[in-house]
Each structure stands twice: as structure tokens, then as C-alpha cells.
Amino acid sequence: MGIIAWIVLGALAGWIGSMIMGTDANQGALGNIIVGIIGAFIGGMIMGLFGKNGVTGFNLYSVVVAVVGACIALGIYRAVSGRGHNSAI
């Protein structure tokens, strides 16, 4: 997969992941691309643990893998940074 395909896949997966996790208002297009590309790597590693292929190209399966990875990456970011933790004080 070429660099342009990675950017487009990352933007799409990052945007969908941020909509699922409720962080879309906090990150821009560049943030979506970065989260989506990181998510593609995380999703690929997780799928590898189950004996499946990771990102295989620009197709629906790869988008789903990248979105799952993006959601995991955003969840980890929330847990580490403390953002998204609602405390009633």
C-alpha cells in the first residue's frame, strides 16, 4: 500500500474511531490521520495474535481493523492522559 492509501485509510479510520469514542471535536484532520495510522498498526498486531491478517490493502476489512485499533489507541490515550474521566466533585 502506498503512502497516499495509508493517509486516506488513516483519515477514514481515525475519523470513524473518533466518532465512536466521542473525541471528534477535540482532534482535527491531522489528528484523525495519525490516530488512524497508529490504529492500523495496533489493529494489525491484535489480528496477528489471533492468526488473522492485519491491514491487507484499501478494503472494508482493513478499515474495520484500523477502526478497532484506532478505538483502542484513543481509549489508551484517554486512560493515560486522564481526559474523558468524568469526576463529580
Protein backbone atom coordinates (compact mmCIF):
# COMPACT_ATOMS: atom_id res chain seq x y z
CA MET A 1 0.00 0.00 0.00
CA GLY A 2 1.34 3.41 -0.93
CA ILE A 3 1.68 6.43 1.31
CA ILE A 4 -1.42 8.10 -0.12
CA ALA A 5 -3.51 4.99 0.59
CA TRP A 6 -2.17 4.90 4.18
CA ILE A 7 -3.11 8.56 4.65
CA VAL A 8 -6.61 8.07 3.24
CA LEU A 9 -7.16 4.85 5.23
CA GLY A 10 -5.80 6.55 8.34
CA ALA A 11 -8.04 9.58 7.90
CA LEU A 12 -11.12 7.43 7.42
CA ALA A 13 -10.35 5.04 10.28
CA GLY A 14 -9.31 7.87 12.60
CA TRP A 15 -12.47 9.82 11.88
CA ILE A 16 -14.75 6.82 12.42
CA GLY A 17 -12.85 5.85 15.57
CA SER A 18 -13.06 9.38 16.95
CA MET A 19 -16.80 9.46 16.28
CA ILE A 20 -17.23 6.16 18.14
CA MET A 21 -15.09 7.31 21.08
CA GLY A 22 -16.58 10.82 21.18
CA THR A 23 -13.31 12.69 20.58
CA ASP A 24 -14.03 14.10 17.14
CA ALA A 25 -14.44 17.68 18.39
CA ASN A 26 -11.01 17.53 20.07
CA GLN A 27 -8.90 16.49 17.10
CA GLY A 28 -8.56 17.81 13.60
CA ALA A 29 -7.83 16.15 10.30
CA LEU A 30 -4.16 15.60 11.11
CA GLY A 31 -5.11 14.03 14.45
CA ASN A 32 -7.54 11.69 12.68
CA ILE A 33 -4.85 10.63 10.21
CA ILE A 34 -2.30 9.97 12.94
CA VAL A 35 -4.78 8.06 15.12
CA GLY A 36 -5.96 6.05 12.11
CA ILE A 37 -2.45 5.04 11.04
CA ILE A 38 -1.48 4.12 14.60
CA GLY A 39 -4.79 2.28 14.87
CA ALA A 40 -4.00 0.31 11.72
CA PHE A 41 -0.74 -0.87 13.28
CA ILE A 42 -2.41 -1.72 16.60
CA GLY A 43 -5.31 -3.48 14.87
CA GLY A 44 -2.87 -5.39 12.68
CA MET A 45 -0.88 -6.57 15.70
CA ILE A 46 -4.04 -7.67 17.50
CA MET A 47 -5.32 -9.55 14.45
CA GLY A 48 -1.89 -11.19 14.18
CA LEU A 49 -2.32 -12.54 17.71
CA PHE A 50 -5.48 -14.30 16.51
CA GLY A 51 -3.71 -15.71 13.45
CA LYS A 52 -5.51 -13.40 11.01
CA ASN A 53 -4.16 -10.84 8.58
CA GLY A 54 -3.86 -7.23 9.59
CA VAL A 55 -4.32 -4.43 7.09
CA THR A 56 -4.26 -6.04 3.67
CA GLY A 57 -4.90 -3.05 1.43
CA PHE A 58 -7.59 -0.48 0.92
CA ASN A 59 -10.69 -2.59 1.56
CA LEU A 60 -13.51 -2.89 4.09
CA TYR A 61 -11.69 -5.49 6.21
CA SER A 62 -8.68 -3.20 6.58
CA VAL A 63 -10.87 -0.23 7.51
CA VAL A 64 -12.58 -2.30 10.23
CA VAL A 65 -9.20 -3.47 11.58
CA ALA A 66 -7.90 0.11 11.59
CA VAL A 67 -11.07 1.47 13.26
CA VAL A 68 -10.84 -1.13 16.03
CA GLY A 69 -7.18 -0.23 16.52
CA ALA A 70 -7.98 3.50 16.49
CA CYS A 71 -10.63 3.00 19.19
CA ILE A 72 -8.10 1.09 21.29
CA ALA A 73 -5.48 3.82 20.75
CA LEU A 74 -7.95 6.54 21.75
CA GLY A 75 -9.02 4.53 24.80
CA ILE A 76 -5.40 4.12 25.88
CA TYR A 77 -4.81 7.84 25.34
CA ARG A 78 -7.82 8.68 27.50
CA ALA A 79 -6.66 6.34 30.26
CA VAL A 80 -3.11 7.69 30.29
CA SER A 81 -3.95 11.38 29.96
CA GLY A 82 -6.94 11.37 32.29
CA ARG A 83 -9.13 13.04 29.67
CA GLY A 84 -12.62 11.72 29.37
CA HIS A 85 -12.70 10.82 33.04
CA ASN A 86 -15.78 12.44 34.49
CA SER A 87 -15.43 13.11 38.16
CA ALA A 88 -18.29 14.56 40.14
CA ILE A 89 -16.57 16.82 42.63
